[in-house]
Amino acid sequence: MPERPDTHLPLAPAVFHVLLALADGEKHGYAVMKEVRTRTNGAVSLSASTLYGIVKRLLENGLIEESDERPDPALDDERRRYYGLTTLGRTVAIAESRRLEATLGIARAKRLIPTPRLR
């Protein structure tokens, strides 16, 4: 029986940001850290130790996997490890996105934040 994604929810924000960074393709750790910092305008900044703690847990839980494929050695540092989402990892990221979307809907219904206007 396949593992249910909701058993991994809710995700810590930093963990969710790592999954989001990997949602569009494999990346090495430094690229993940840069994307998270850029995408959040610096609101989330992962240290190397925090990132690799998250990566270790995500690997153990089967949400990400280390890639066997490597870029051209002339274009990359051979010490870098590349990670990508597994099918379960993508399913968990989608489930967390939906969970957060539902929470946002509640906040809008309570008038804590405005409902976006249609253009």
PDB file of N, CA and C in Angstrom:
ATOM      1  N   MET A   1       0.847  -1.186   0.000  1.00  0.00           N
ATOM      2  CA  MET A   1       0.000   0.000   0.000  1.00  0.00           C
ATOM      3  C   MET A   1       0.886   1.242   0.000  1.00  0.00           C
ATOM      4  N   PRO A   2       0.660   2.172  -0.932  1.00  0.00           N
ATOM      5  CA  PRO A   2       1.507   3.366  -0.996  1.00  0.00           C
ATOM      6  C   PRO A   2       1.339   4.242   0.249  1.00  0.00           C
ATOM      7  N   GLU A   3       2.414   4.907   0.564  1.00  0.00           N
ATOM      8  CA  GLU A   3       2.404   5.796   1.731  1.00  0.00           C
ATOM      9  C   GLU A   3       1.505   6.999   1.461  1.00  0.00           C
ATOM     10  N   ARG A   4       0.749   7.393   2.464  1.00  0.00           N
ATOM     11  CA  ARG A   4      -0.141   8.543   2.333  1.00  0.00           C
ATOM     12  C   ARG A   4       0.647   9.830   2.577  1.00  0.00           C
ATOM     13  N   PRO A   5       0.491  10.819   1.695  1.00  0.00           N
ATOM     14  CA  PRO A   5       1.246  12.069   1.850  1.00  0.00           C
ATOM     15  C   PRO A   5       0.889  12.833   3.121  1.00  0.00           C
ATOM     16  N   ASP A   6      -0.364  12.717   3.572  1.00  0.00           N
ATOM     17  CA  ASP A   6      -0.774  13.495   4.743  1.00  0.00           C
ATOM     18  C   ASP A   6      -0.069  13.057   6.020  1.00  0.00           C
ATOM     19  N   THR A   7       0.575  11.883   6.007  1.00  0.00           N
ATOM     20  CA  THR A   7       1.324  11.466   7.197  1.00  0.00           C
ATOM     21  C   THR A   7       2.572  12.336   7.401  1.00  0.00           C
ATOM     22  N   HIS A   8       2.949  13.096   6.379  1.00  0.00           N
ATOM     23  CA  HIS A   8       4.120  13.978   6.456  1.00  0.00           C
ATOM     24  C   HIS A   8       3.744  15.426   6.790  1.00  0.00           C
ATOM     25  N   LEU A   9       2.437  15.704   6.880  1.00  0.00           N
ATOM     26  CA  LEU A   9       1.966  17.080   7.070  1.00  0.00           C
ATOM     27  C   LEU A   9       1.643  17.356   8.523  1.00  0.00           C
ATOM     28  N   PRO A  10       1.721  18.614   8.934  1.00  0.00           N
ATOM     29  CA  PRO A  10       2.190  19.766   8.166  1.00  0.00           C
ATOM     30  C   PRO A  10       3.714  19.770   8.078  1.00  0.00           C
ATOM     31  N   LEU A  11       4.214  20.410   7.046  1.00  0.00           N
ATOM     32  CA  LEU A  11       5.665  20.549   6.875  1.00  0.00           C
ATOM     33  C   LEU A  11       6.147  21.813   7.564  1.00  0.00           C
ATOM     34  N   ALA A  12       7.340  21.757   8.102  1.00  0.00           N
ATOM     35  CA  ALA A  12       7.982  22.974   8.599  1.00  0.00           C
ATOM     36  C   ALA A  12       8.229  23.874   7.395  1.00  0.00           C
ATOM     37  N   PRO A  13       8.116  25.194   7.563  1.00  0.00           N
ATOM     38  CA  PRO A  13       8.310  26.094   6.416  1.00  0.00           C
ATOM     39  C   PRO A  13       9.618  25.861   5.662  1.00  0.00           C
ATOM     40  N   ALA A  14      10.722  25.677   6.360  1.00  0.00           N
ATOM     41  CA  ALA A  14      12.003  25.483   5.672  1.00  0.00           C
ATOM     42  C   ALA A  14      11.988  24.204   4.831  1.00  0.00           C
ATOM     43  N   VAL A  15      11.364  23.154   5.344  1.00  0.00           N
ATOM     44  CA  VAL A  15      11.265  21.894   4.606  1.00  0.00           C
ATOM     45  C   VAL A  15      10.430  22.097   3.345  1.00  0.00           C
ATOM     46  N   PHE A  16       9.322  22.795   3.477  1.00  0.00           N
ATOM     47  CA  PHE A  16       8.461  23.065   2.314  1.00  0.00           C
ATOM     48  C   PHE A  16       9.220  23.871   1.270  1.00  0.00           C
ATOM     49  N   HIS A  17       9.998  24.849   1.695  1.00  0.00           N
ATOM     50  CA  HIS A  17      10.771  25.651   0.742  1.00  0.00           C
ATOM     51  C   HIS A  17      11.806  24.805   0.003  1.00  0.00           C
ATOM     52  N   VAL A  18      12.396  23.833   0.668  1.00  0.00           N
ATOM     53  CA  VAL A  18      13.346  22.946  -0.008  1.00  0.00           C
ATOM     54  C   VAL A  18      12.611  22.123  -1.067  1.00  0.00           C
ATOM     55  N   LEU A  19      11.447  21.583  -0.722  1.00  0.00           N
ATOM     56  CA  LEU A  19      10.679  20.826  -1.711  1.00  0.00           C
ATOM     57  C   LEU A  19      10.273  21.715  -2.881  1.00  0.00           C
ATOM     58  N   LEU A  20       9.862  22.943  -2.601  1.00  0.00           N
ATOM     59  CA  LEU A  20       9.511  23.878  -3.674  1.00  0.00           C
ATOM     60  C   LEU A  20      10.702  24.147  -4.584  1.00  0.00           C
ATOM     61  N   ALA A  21      11.877  24.297  -4.006  1.00  0.00           N
ATOM     62  CA  ALA A  21      13.070  24.567  -4.813  1.00  0.00           C
ATOM     63  C   ALA A  21      13.373  23.412  -5.763  1.00  0.00           C
ATOM     64  N   LEU A  22      13.028  22.195  -5.346  1.00  0.00           N
ATOM     65  CA  LEU A  22      13.307  21.018  -6.170  1.00  0.00           C
ATOM     66  C   LEU A  22      12.154  20.655  -7.108  1.00  0.00           C
ATOM     67  N   ALA A  23      11.044  21.371  -6.999  1.00  0.00           N
ATOM     68  CA  ALA A  23       9.850  21.029  -7.782  1.00  0.00           C
ATOM     69  C   ALA A  23      10.053  21.175  -9.283  1.00  0.00           C
ATOM     70  N   ASP A  24      10.961  22.036  -9.706  1.00  0.00           N
ATOM     71  CA  ASP A  24      11.159  22.229 -11.147  1.00  0.00           C
ATOM     72  C   ASP A  24      12.434  21.578 -11.666  1.00  0.00           C
ATOM     73  N   GLY A  25      13.026  20.726 -10.860  1.00  0.00           N
ATOM     74  CA  GLY A  25      14.202  19.994 -11.342  1.00  0.00           C
ATOM     75  C   GLY A  25      15.259  19.815 -10.277  1.00  0.00           C
ATOM     76  N   GLU A  26      16.210  18.957 -10.596  1.00  0.00           N
ATOM     77  CA  GLU A  26      17.294  18.643  -9.662  1.00  0.00           C
ATOM     78  C   GLU A  26      18.182  19.853  -9.430  1.00  0.00           C
ATOM     79  N   LYS A  27      18.678  19.946  -8.192  1.00  0.00           N
ATOM     80  CA  LYS A  27      19.594  21.029  -7.824  1.00  0.00           C
ATOM     81  C   LYS A  27      20.574  20.513  -6.791  1.00  0.00           C
ATOM     82  N   HIS A  28      21.717  21.167  -6.713  1.00  0.00           N
ATOM     83  CA  HIS A  28      22.664  20.870  -5.639  1.00  0.00           C
ATOM     84  C   HIS A  28      22.327  21.776  -4.457  1.00  0.00           C
ATOM     85  N   GLY A  29      22.886  21.464  -3.313  1.00  0.00           N
ATOM     86  CA  GLY A  29      22.534  22.163  -2.078  1.00  0.00           C
ATOM     87  C   GLY A  29      22.678  23.673  -2.127  1.00  0.00           C
ATOM     88  N   TYR A  30      23.791  24.161  -2.664  1.00  0.00           N
ATOM     89  CA  TYR A  30      23.991  25.607  -2.700  1.00  0.00           C
ATOM     90  C   TYR A  30      22.937  26.281  -3.577  1.00  0.00           C
ATOM     91  N   ALA A  31      22.565  25.638  -4.690  1.00  0.00           N
ATOM     92  CA  ALA A  31      21.527  26.195  -5.565  1.00  0.00           C
ATOM     93  C   ALA A  31      20.183  26.235  -4.839  1.00  0.00           C
ATOM     94  N   VAL A  32      19.891  25.230  -4.019  1.00  0.00           N
ATOM     95  CA  VAL A  32      18.659  25.224  -3.225  1.00  0.00           C
ATOM     96  C   VAL A  32      18.678  26.397  -2.253  1.00  0.00           C
ATOM     97  N   MET A  33      19.783  26.573  -1.544  1.00  0.00           N
ATOM     98  CA  MET A  33      19.891  27.681  -0.571  1.00  0.00           C
ATOM     99  C   MET A  33      19.696  29.021  -1.264  1.00  0.00           C
ATOM    100  N   LYS A  34      20.328  29.214  -2.430  1.00  0.00           N
ATOM    101  CA  LYS A  34      20.201  30.474  -3.169  1.00  0.00           C
ATOM    102  C   LYS A  34      18.773  30.709  -3.632  1.00  0.00           C
ATOM    103  N   GLU A  35      18.137  29.672  -4.163  1.00  0.00           N
ATOM    104  CA  GLU A  35      16.766  29.849  -4.658  1.00  0.00           C
ATOM    105  C   GLU A  35      15.816  30.206  -3.518  1.00  0.00           C
ATOM    106  N   VAL A  36      15.928  29.517  -2.399  1.00  0.00           N
ATOM    107  CA  VAL A  36      15.046  29.806  -1.263  1.00  0.00           C
ATOM    108  C   VAL A  36      15.238  31.243  -0.797  1.00  0.00           C
ATOM    109  N   ARG A  37      16.481  31.669  -0.668  1.00  0.00           N
ATOM    110  CA  ARG A  37      16.764  33.044  -0.218  1.00  0.00           C
ATOM    111  C   ARG A  37      16.207  34.064  -1.215  1.00  0.00           C
ATOM    112  N   THR A  38      16.415  33.815  -2.502  1.00  0.00           N
ATOM    113  CA  THR A  38      15.940  34.742  -3.536  1.00  0.00           C
ATOM    114  C   THR A  38      14.420  34.770  -3.603  1.00  0.00           C
ATOM    115  N   ARG A  39      13.801  33.587  -3.648  1.00  0.00           N
ATOM    116  CA  ARG A  39      12.346  33.496  -3.795  1.00  0.00           C
ATOM    117  C   ARG A  39      11.605  34.101  -2.615  1.00  0.00           C
ATOM    118  N   THR A  40      12.228  34.079  -1.422  1.00  0.00           N
ATOM    119  CA  THR A  40      11.567  34.624  -0.231  1.00  0.00           C
ATOM    120  C   THR A  40      12.067  36.027   0.099  1.00  0.00           C
ATOM    121  N   ASN A  41      12.817  36.625  -0.820  1.00  0.00           N
ATOM    122  CA  ASN A  41      13.404  37.953  -0.580  1.00  0.00           C
ATOM    123  C   ASN A  41      14.173  38.004   0.736  1.00  0.00           C
ATOM    124  N   GLY A  42      14.865  36.923   1.044  1.00  0.00           N
ATOM    125  CA  GLY A  42      15.696  36.861   2.243  1.00  0.00           C
ATOM    126  C   GLY A  42      14.956  36.515   3.522  1.00  0.00           C
ATOM    127  N   ALA A  43      13.638  36.361   3.458  1.00  0.00           N
ATOM    128  CA  ALA A  43      12.862  36.032   4.667  1.00  0.00           C
ATOM    129  C   ALA A  43      13.218  34.642   5.189  1.00  0.00           C
ATOM    130  N   VAL A  44      13.576  33.732   4.279  1.00  0.00           N
ATOM    131  CA  VAL A  44      14.035  32.403   4.666  1.00  0.00           C
ATOM    132  C   VAL A  44      15.444  32.249   4.117  1.00  0.00           C
ATOM    133  N   SER A  45      16.381  32.091   5.012  1.00  0.00           N
ATOM    134  CA  SER A  45      17.776  31.916   4.621  1.00  0.00           C
ATOM    135  C   SER A  45      18.303  30.680   5.340  1.00  0.00           C
ATOM    136  N   LEU A  46      18.580  29.643   4.573  1.00  0.00           N
ATOM    137  CA  LEU A  46      19.025  28.383   5.151  1.00  0.00           C
ATOM    138  C   LEU A  46      20.535  28.349   5.287  1.00  0.00           C
ATOM    139  N   SER A  47      21.022  27.982   6.456  1.00  0.00           N
ATOM    140  CA  SER A  47      22.458  27.746   6.605  1.00  0.00           C
ATOM    141  C   SER A  47      22.757  26.367   6.027  1.00  0.00           C
ATOM    142  N   ALA A  48      24.018  26.101   5.769  1.00  0.00           N
ATOM    143  CA  ALA A  48      24.396  24.793   5.221  1.00  0.00           C
ATOM    144  C   ALA A  48      23.995  23.681   6.184  1.00  0.00           C
ATOM    145  N   SER A  49      24.204  23.871   7.466  1.00  0.00           N
ATOM    146  CA  SER A  49      23.872  22.811   8.420  1.00  0.00           C
ATOM    147  C   SER A  49      22.364  22.578   8.487  1.00  0.00           C
ATOM    148  N   THR A  50      21.574  23.633   8.423  1.00  0.00           N
ATOM    149  CA  THR A  50      20.116  23.479   8.416  1.00  0.00           C
ATOM    150  C   THR A  50      19.679  22.753   7.159  1.00  0.00           C
ATOM    151  N   LEU A  51      20.189  23.184   6.007  1.00  0.00           N
ATOM    152  CA  LEU A  51      19.817  22.549   4.748  1.00  0.00           C
ATOM    153  C   LEU A  51      20.158  21.071   4.767  1.00  0.00           C
ATOM    154  N   TYR A  52      21.368  20.723   5.168  1.00  0.00           N
ATOM    155  CA  TYR A  52      21.762  19.324   5.081  1.00  0.00           C
ATOM    156  C   TYR A  52      21.071  18.466   6.133  1.00  0.00           C
ATOM    157  N   GLY A  53      20.628  19.060   7.244  1.00  0.00           N
ATOM    158  CA  GLY A  53      19.777  18.337   8.179  1.00  0.00           C
ATOM    159  C   GLY A  53      18.434  18.019   7.542  1.00  0.00           C
ATOM    160  N   ILE A  54      17.874  19.000   6.833  1.00  0.00           N
ATOM    161  CA  ILE A  54      16.610  18.807   6.121  1.00  0.00           C
ATOM    162  C   ILE A  54      16.784  17.758   5.024  1.00  0.00           C
ATOM    163  N   VAL A  55      17.856  17.877   4.249  1.00  0.00           N
ATOM    164  CA  VAL A  55      18.118  16.932   3.162  1.00  0.00           C
ATOM    165  C   VAL A  55      18.219  15.513   3.718  1.00  0.00           C
ATOM    166  N   LYS A  56      18.908  15.346   4.830  1.00  0.00           N
ATOM    167  CA  LYS A  56      19.062  14.019   5.436  1.00  0.00           C
ATOM    168  C   LYS A  56      17.693  13.430   5.783  1.00  0.00           C
ATOM    169  N   ARG A  57      16.819  14.228   6.413  1.00  0.00           N
ATOM    170  CA  ARG A  57      15.484  13.744   6.784  1.00  0.00           C
ATOM    171  C   ARG A  57      14.632  13.450   5.547  1.00  0.00           C
ATOM    172  N   LEU A  58      14.717  14.324   4.532  1.00  0.00           N
ATOM    173  CA  LEU A  58      13.941  14.099   3.318  1.00  0.00           C
ATOM    174  C   LEU A  58      14.391  12.826   2.592  1.00  0.00           C
ATOM    175  N   LEU A  59      15.690  12.570   2.585  1.00  0.00           N
ATOM    176  CA  LEU A  59      16.207  11.329   1.993  1.00  0.00           C
ATOM    177  C   LEU A  59      15.699  10.119   2.770  1.00  0.00           C
ATOM    178  N   GLU A  60      15.794  10.187   4.103  1.00  0.00           N
ATOM    179  CA  GLU A  60      15.348   9.071   4.955  1.00  0.00           C
ATOM    180  C   GLU A  60      13.862   8.790   4.788  1.00  0.00           C
ATOM    181  N   ASN A  61      13.066   9.843   4.576  1.00  0.00           N
ATOM    182  CA  ASN A  61      11.618   9.688   4.429  1.00  0.00           C
ATOM    183  C   ASN A  61      11.187   9.412   2.994  1.00  0.00           C
ATOM    184  N   GLY A  62      12.144   9.355   2.077  1.00  0.00           N
ATOM    185  CA  GLY A  62      11.827   9.027   0.685  1.00  0.00           C
ATOM    186  C   GLY A  62      11.167  10.142  -0.099  1.00  0.00           C
ATOM    187  N   LEU A  63      11.331  11.394   0.375  1.00  0.00           N
ATOM    188  CA  LEU A  63      10.719  12.524  -0.331  1.00  0.00           C
ATOM    189  C   LEU A  63      11.637  13.091  -1.413  1.00  0.00           C
ATOM    190  N   ILE A  64      12.928  12.905  -1.248  1.00  0.00           N
ATOM    191  CA  ILE A  64      13.890  13.295  -2.273  1.00  0.00           C
ATOM    192  C   ILE A  64      14.856  12.140  -2.474  1.00  0.00           C
ATOM    193  N   GLU A  65      15.599  12.206  -3.562  1.00  0.00           N
ATOM    194  CA  GLU A  65      16.623  11.211  -3.834  1.00  0.00           C
ATOM    195  C   GLU A  65      17.836  11.905  -4.434  1.00  0.00           C
ATOM    196  N   GLU A  66      18.987  11.293  -4.222  1.00  0.00           N
ATOM    197  CA  GLU A  66      20.200  11.831  -4.822  1.00  0.00           C
ATOM    198  C   GLU A  66      20.263  11.377  -6.271  1.00  0.00           C
ATOM    199  N   SER A  67      20.627  12.286  -7.134  1.00  0.00           N
ATOM    200  CA  SER A  67      20.679  12.000  -8.563  1.00  0.00           C
ATOM    201  C   SER A  67      21.963  11.262  -8.918  1.00  0.00           C
ATOM    202  N   ASP A  68      21.837  10.329  -9.833  1.00  0.00           N
ATOM    203  CA  ASP A  68      23.014   9.631 -10.358  1.00  0.00           C
ATOM    204  C   ASP A  68      23.641  10.407 -11.502  1.00  0.00           C
ATOM    205  N   GLU A  69      22.848  11.260 -12.143  1.00  0.00           N
ATOM    206  CA  GLU A  69      23.341  12.007 -13.292  1.00  0.00           C
ATOM    207  C   GLU A  69      24.110  13.230 -12.833  1.00  0.00           C
ATOM    208  N   ARG A  70      25.176  13.534 -13.545  1.00  0.00           N
ATOM    209  CA  ARG A  70      26.040  14.662 -13.206  1.00  0.00           C
ATOM    210  C   ARG A  70      26.189  15.560 -14.427  1.00  0.00           C
ATOM    211  N   PRO A  71      26.279  16.870 -14.200  1.00  0.00           N
ATOM    212  CA  PRO A  71      26.586  17.764 -15.321  1.00  0.00           C
ATOM    213  C   PRO A  71      28.011  17.518 -15.813  1.00  0.00           C
ATOM    214  N   ASP A  72      28.337  18.097 -16.929  1.00  0.00           N
ATOM    215  CA  ASP A  72      29.694  18.031 -17.463  1.00  0.00           C
ATOM    216  C   ASP A  72      30.661  18.480 -16.382  1.00  0.00           C
ATOM    217  N   PRO A  73      31.695  17.678 -16.060  1.00  0.00           N
ATOM    218  CA  PRO A  73      32.643  18.042 -15.005  1.00  0.00           C
ATOM    219  C   PRO A  73      33.304  19.407 -15.216  1.00  0.00           C
ATOM    220  N   ALA A  74      33.425  19.830 -16.461  1.00  0.00           N
ATOM    221  CA  ALA A  74      34.017  21.138 -16.731  1.00  0.00           C
ATOM    222  C   ALA A  74      33.090  22.268 -16.286  1.00  0.00           C
ATOM    223  N   LEU A  75      31.797  21.972 -16.131  1.00  0.00           N
ATOM    224  CA  LEU A  75      30.819  22.987 -15.750  1.00  0.00           C
ATOM    225  C   LEU A  75      30.407  22.899 -14.286  1.00  0.00           C
ATOM    226  N   ASP A  76      30.953  21.933 -13.561  1.00  0.00           N
ATOM    227  CA  ASP A  76      30.476  21.681 -12.212  1.00  0.00           C
ATOM    228  C   ASP A  76      31.603  21.214 -11.307  1.00  0.00           C
ATOM    229  N   ASP A  77      31.369  21.281 -10.019  1.00  0.00           N
ATOM    230  CA  ASP A  77      32.294  20.784  -9.008  1.00  0.00           C
ATOM    231  C   ASP A  77      31.889  19.349  -8.681  1.00  0.00           C
ATOM    232  N   GLU A  78      32.803  18.415  -8.833  1.00  0.00           N
ATOM    233  CA  GLU A  78      32.473  16.995  -8.640  1.00  0.00           C
ATOM    234  C   GLU A  78      32.044  16.669  -7.215  1.00  0.00           C
ATOM    235  N   ARG A  79      32.317  17.553  -6.253  1.00  0.00           N
ATOM    236  CA  ARG A  79      31.915  17.297  -4.866  1.00  0.00           C
ATOM    237  C   ARG A  79      30.432  17.563  -4.627  1.00  0.00           C
ATOM    238  N   ARG A  80      29.803  18.283  -5.527  1.00  0.00           N
ATOM    239  CA  ARG A  80      28.387  18.609  -5.351  1.00  0.00           C
ATOM    240  C   ARG A  80      27.515  17.373  -5.509  1.00  0.00           C
ATOM    241  N   ARG A  81      26.495  17.336  -4.677  1.00  0.00           N
ATOM    242  CA  ARG A  81      25.499  16.276  -4.778  1.00  0.00           C
ATOM    243  C   ARG A  81      24.195  16.920  -5.244  1.00  0.00           C
ATOM    244  N   TYR A  82      23.551  16.276  -6.183  1.00  0.00           N
ATOM    245  CA  TYR A  82      22.303  16.793  -6.739  1.00  0.00           C
ATOM    246  C   TYR A  82      21.123  15.992  -6.193  1.00  0.00           C
ATOM    247  N   TYR A  83      20.041  16.704  -5.924  1.00  0.00           N
ATOM    248  CA  TYR A  83      18.850  16.087  -5.347  1.00  0.00           C
ATOM    249  C   TYR A  83      17.633  16.419  -6.192  1.00  0.00           C
ATOM    250  N   GLY A  84      16.687  15.496  -6.198  1.00  0.00           N
ATOM    251  CA  GLY A  84      15.425  15.711  -6.898  1.00  0.00           C
ATOM    252  C   GLY A  84      14.282  15.126  -6.098  1.00  0.00           C
ATOM    253  N   LEU A  85      13.071  15.580  -6.403  1.00  0.00           N
ATOM    254  CA  LEU A  85      11.886  15.059  -5.733  1.00  0.00           C
ATOM    255  C   LEU A  85      11.594  13.639  -6.205  1.00  0.00           C
ATOM    256  N   THR A  86      11.140  12.812  -5.287  1.00  0.00           N
ATOM    257  CA  THR A  86      10.581  11.519  -5.653  1.00  0.00           C
ATOM    258  C   THR A  86       9.098  11.741  -5.956  1.00  0.00           C
ATOM    259  N   THR A  87       8.435  10.718  -6.416  1.00  0.00           N
ATOM    260  CA  THR A  87       6.990  10.822  -6.646  1.00  0.00           C
ATOM    261  C   THR A  87       6.290  11.159  -5.332  1.00  0.00           C
ATOM    262  N   LEU A  88       6.697  10.503  -4.245  1.00  0.00           N
ATOM    263  CA  LEU A  88       6.105  10.796  -2.938  1.00  0.00           C
ATOM    264  C   LEU A  88       6.396  12.237  -2.531  1.00  0.00           C
ATOM    265  N   GLY A  89       7.608  12.704  -2.764  1.00  0.00           N
ATOM    266  CA  GLY A  89       7.962  14.080  -2.417  1.00  0.00           C
ATOM    267  C   GLY A  89       7.113  15.097  -3.147  1.00  0.00           C
ATOM    268  N   ARG A  90       6.871  14.870  -4.429  1.00  0.00           N
ATOM    269  CA  ARG A  90       6.017  15.771  -5.213  1.00  0.00           C
ATOM    270  C   ARG A  90       4.585  15.724  -4.679  1.00  0.00           C
ATOM    271  N   THR A  91       4.101  14.537  -4.349  1.00  0.00           N
ATOM    272  CA  THR A  91       2.752  14.388  -3.815  1.00  0.00           C
ATOM    273  C   THR A  91       2.614  15.094  -2.466  1.00  0.00           C
ATOM    274  N   VAL A  92       3.630  14.994  -1.634  1.00  0.00           N
ATOM    275  CA  VAL A  92       3.618  15.675  -0.328  1.00  0.00           C
ATOM    276  C   VAL A  92       3.643  17.190  -0.523  1.00  0.00           C
ATOM    277  N   ALA A  93       4.452  17.681  -1.457  1.00  0.00           N
ATOM    278  CA  ALA A  93       4.509  19.127  -1.724  1.00  0.00           C
ATOM    279  C   ALA A  93       3.160  19.637  -2.215  1.00  0.00           C
ATOM    280  N   ILE A  94       2.499  18.868  -3.065  1.00  0.00           N
ATOM    281  CA  ILE A  94       1.170  19.251  -3.545  1.00  0.00           C
ATOM    282  C   ILE A  94       0.174  19.253  -2.390  1.00  0.00           C
ATOM    283  N   ALA A  95       0.222  18.227  -1.555  1.00  0.00           N
ATOM    284  CA  ALA A  95      -0.693  18.145  -0.408  1.00  0.00           C
ATOM    285  C   ALA A  95      -0.485  19.316   0.551  1.00  0.00           C
ATOM    286  N   GLU A  96       0.764  19.683   0.785  1.00  0.00           N
ATOM    287  CA  GLU A  96       1.051  20.824   1.669  1.00  0.00           C
ATOM    288  C   GLU A  96       0.563  22.118   1.032  1.00  0.00           C
ATOM    289  N   SER A  97       0.726  22.257  -0.277  1.00  0.00           N
ATOM    290  CA  SER A  97       0.237  23.447  -0.980  1.00  0.00           C
ATOM    291  C   SER A  97      -1.271  23.569  -0.819  1.00  0.00           C
ATOM    292  N   ARG A  98      -1.965  22.469  -0.972  1.00  0.00           N
ATOM    293  CA  ARG A  98      -3.428  22.479  -0.823  1.00  0.00           C
ATOM    294  C   ARG A  98      -3.837  22.780   0.618  1.00  0.00           C
ATOM    295  N   ARG A  99      -3.097  22.235   1.570  1.00  0.00           N
ATOM    296  CA  ARG A  99      -3.386  22.499   2.981  1.00  0.00           C
ATOM    297  C   ARG A  99      -3.233  23.987   3.278  1.00  0.00           C
ATOM    298  N   LEU A 100      -2.156  24.583   2.776  1.00  0.00           N
ATOM    299  CA  LEU A 100      -1.925  26.011   3.002  1.00  0.00           C
ATOM    300  C   LEU A 100      -2.958  26.864   2.275  1.00  0.00           C
ATOM    301  N   GLU A 101      -3.365  26.426   1.086  1.00  0.00           N
ATOM    302  CA  GLU A 101      -4.392  27.142   0.341  1.00  0.00           C
ATOM    303  C   GLU A 101      -5.718  27.143   1.111  1.00  0.00           C
ATOM    304  N   ALA A 102      -6.062  26.009   1.721  1.00  0.00           N
ATOM    305  CA  ALA A 102      -7.291  25.935   2.518  1.00  0.00           C
ATOM    306  C   ALA A 102      -7.199  26.847   3.737  1.00  0.00           C
ATOM    307  N   THR A 103      -6.047  26.891   4.365  1.00  0.00           N
ATOM    308  CA  THR A 103      -5.839  27.772   5.514  1.00  0.00           C
ATOM    309  C   THR A 103      -5.961  29.228   5.100  1.00  0.00           C
ATOM    310  N   LEU A 104      -5.408  29.558   3.955  1.00  0.00           N
ATOM    311  CA  LEU A 104      -5.517  30.914   3.425  1.00  0.00           C
ATOM    312  C   LEU A 104      -6.977  31.280   3.164  1.00  0.00           C
ATOM    313  N   GLY A 105      -7.757  30.318   2.676  1.00  0.00           N
ATOM    314  CA  GLY A 105      -9.182  30.546   2.456  1.00  0.00           C
ATOM    315  C   GLY A 105      -9.906  30.882   3.755  1.00  0.00           C
ATOM    316  N   ILE A 106      -9.537  30.217   4.826  1.00  0.00           N
ATOM    317  CA  ILE A 106     -10.131  30.504   6.141  1.00  0.00           C
ATOM    318  C   ILE A 106      -9.761  31.916   6.582  1.00  0.00           C
ATOM    319  N   ALA A 107      -8.492  32.283   6.394  1.00  0.00           N
ATOM    320  CA  ALA A 107      -8.049  33.629   6.775  1.00  0.00           C
ATOM    321  C   ALA A 107      -8.800  34.696   5.980  1.00  0.00           C
ATOM    322  N   ARG A 108      -9.062  34.418   4.710  1.00  0.00           N
ATOM    323  CA  ARG A 108      -9.837  35.370   3.897  1.00  0.00           C
ATOM    324  C   ARG A 108     -11.278  35.449   4.383  1.00  0.00           C
ATOM    325  N   ALA A 109     -11.870  34.295   4.708  1.00  0.00           N
ATOM    326  CA  ALA A 109     -13.250  34.279   5.195  1.00  0.00           C
ATOM    327  C   ALA A 109     -13.375  35.044   6.509  1.00  0.00           C
ATOM    328  N   LYS A 110     -12.327  35.024   7.317  1.00  0.00           N
ATOM    329  CA  LYS A 110     -12.309  35.747   8.591  1.00  0.00           C
ATOM    330  C   LYS A 110     -11.873  37.200   8.413  1.00  0.00           C
ATOM    331  N   ARG A 111     -11.655  37.584   7.162  1.00  0.00           N
ATOM    332  CA  ARG A 111     -11.256  38.946   6.787  1.00  0.00           C
ATOM    333  C   ARG A 111      -9.940  39.395   7.426  1.00  0.00           C
ATOM    334  N   LEU A 112      -9.055  38.419   7.602  1.00  0.00           N
ATOM    335  CA  LEU A 112      -7.707  38.749   8.081  1.00  0.00           C
ATOM    336  C   LEU A 112      -6.839  39.256   6.942  1.00  0.00           C
ATOM    337  N   ILE A 113      -7.140  38.781   5.745  1.00  0.00           N
ATOM    338  CA  ILE A 113      -6.443  39.265   4.550  1.00  0.00           C
ATOM    339  C   ILE A 113      -7.496  39.446   3.458  1.00  0.00           C
ATOM    340  N   PRO A 114      -7.276  40.366   2.539  1.00  0.00           N
ATOM    341  CA  PRO A 114      -8.279  40.597   1.492  1.00  0.00           C
ATOM    342  C   PRO A 114      -8.288  39.474   0.452  1.00  0.00           C
ATOM    343  N   THR A 115      -9.436  39.314  -0.156  1.00  0.00           N
ATOM    344  CA  THR A 115      -9.566  38.412  -1.287  1.00  0.00           C
ATOM    345  C   THR A 115      -9.015  39.137  -2.517  1.00  0.00           C
ATOM    346  N   PRO A 116      -8.181  38.470  -3.296  1.00  0.00           N
ATOM    347  CA  PRO A 116      -7.616  39.139  -4.478  1.00  0.00           C
ATOM    348  C   PRO A 116      -8.728  39.540  -5.449  1.00  0.00           C
ATOM    349  N   ARG A 117      -8.553  40.690  -6.066  1.00  0.00           N
ATOM    350  CA  ARG A 117      -9.523  41.187  -7.049  1.00  0.00           C
ATOM    351  C   ARG A 117      -9.201  40.558  -8.400  1.00  0.00           C
ATOM    352  N   LEU A 118     -10.253  40.250  -9.136  1.00  0.00           N
ATOM    353  CA  LEU A 118     -10.068  39.765 -10.510  1.00  0.00           C
ATOM    354  C   LEU A 118      -9.743  40.955 -11.399  1.00  0.00           C
ATOM    355  N   ARG A 119      -8.861  40.752 -12.330  1.00  0.00           N
ATOM    356  CA  ARG A 119      -8.472  41.844 -13.232  1.00  0.00           C
ATOM    357  C   ARG A 119      -9.215  41.779 -14.511  1.00  0.00           C
TER     358      ARG A 119
END
